[in-house]
Protein backbone atom coordinates (compact mmCIF):
# COMPACT_ATOMS: atom_id res chain seq x y z
CA MET A 1 1.62 -55.80 206.45
CA LYS A 2 -2.01 -55.47 205.42
CA VAL A 3 -3.75 -58.39 203.69
CA ASN A 4 -4.40 -57.46 200.06
CA MET A 5 -5.13 -60.80 198.38
CA GLY A 6 -8.48 -62.54 198.11
CA SER A 7 -8.99 -66.29 198.28
CA LEU A 8 -9.54 -66.74 194.54
CA ASP A 9 -6.31 -64.87 193.86
CA LYS A 10 -4.45 -67.11 196.31
CA VAL A 11 -5.83 -70.32 194.76
CA ILE A 12 -4.90 -69.19 191.25
CA ARG A 13 -1.35 -68.36 192.37
CA ILE A 14 -0.94 -71.73 194.08
CA ILE A 15 -2.14 -73.55 190.94
CA ILE A 16 0.30 -71.55 188.79
CA ALA A 17 3.15 -72.31 191.23
CA ILE A 18 2.37 -76.04 191.05
CA ALA A 19 2.21 -75.89 187.25
CA PHE A 20 5.62 -74.15 187.11
CA ALA A 21 7.11 -76.77 189.42
CA MET A 22 5.68 -79.59 187.30
CA LEU A 23 7.12 -78.06 184.12
CA TYR A 24 10.54 -78.02 185.75
CA ILE A 25 10.27 -81.49 187.32
CA THR A 26 9.19 -83.09 184.03
CA LYS A 27 12.05 -81.26 182.26
CA THR A 28 9.65 -79.53 179.89
CA VAL A 29 11.42 -76.29 180.78
CA GLU A 30 15.13 -76.46 181.63
CA GLY A 31 18.09 -74.20 182.18
CA THR A 32 17.71 -70.52 182.92
CA ALA A 33 14.04 -70.46 181.96
CA GLY A 34 13.37 -73.30 184.41
CA ILE A 35 15.13 -71.51 187.25
CA VAL A 36 13.17 -68.33 186.48
CA LEU A 37 9.88 -70.28 186.51
CA LEU A 38 10.78 -71.93 189.83
CA THR A 39 11.63 -68.56 191.33
CA VAL A 40 8.40 -66.94 190.13
CA GLY A 41 6.45 -69.97 191.35
CA GLY A 42 8.12 -69.71 194.75
CA VAL A 43 7.21 -66.04 194.99
CA PHE A 44 3.61 -66.86 194.01
CA LEU A 45 3.45 -69.57 196.66
CA LEU A 46 4.97 -67.36 199.37
CA THR A 47 2.67 -64.43 198.63
CA SER A 48 -0.32 -66.79 198.67
CA LEU A 49 0.62 -68.17 202.06
CA ILE A 50 1.03 -64.74 203.65
CA SER A 51 -1.90 -63.16 201.70
CA PHE A 52 0.19 -60.13 200.81
CA CYS A 53 1.59 -59.05 197.45
CA PRO A 54 4.08 -56.14 197.52
CA LEU A 55 3.40 -55.41 193.84
CA TYR A 56 -0.30 -54.93 194.61
CA THR A 57 0.66 -52.27 197.16
CA ILE A 58 2.75 -50.41 194.61
CA LEU A 59 -0.01 -50.60 191.98
CA GLY A 60 -2.79 -49.81 194.47
CA LEU A 61 -4.61 -53.10 193.91
CA ASN A 62 -6.57 -55.08 196.49
CA THR A 63 -8.36 -58.35 195.68
CA ASN A 64 -9.40 -58.95 199.30
CA SER A 65 -13.15 -58.44 199.54
CA LYS A 66 -13.03 -57.99 203.35
CA LYS A 67 -12.16 -54.41 204.18
């Protein structure tokens, strides 16, 4: 697994994951939409922690400035 995410990308994903979790916790978004948001937020958090996004590989993207 080759690192393909830069630090700004990781920070943005973590912020989005926290926002999704807060929307669910405060019951702003409930039901199926809430579960979908939590799942997407979890994926964002996981990919940020491991610095690898499988979708970036498929699309040929790389936000990591260190090559």
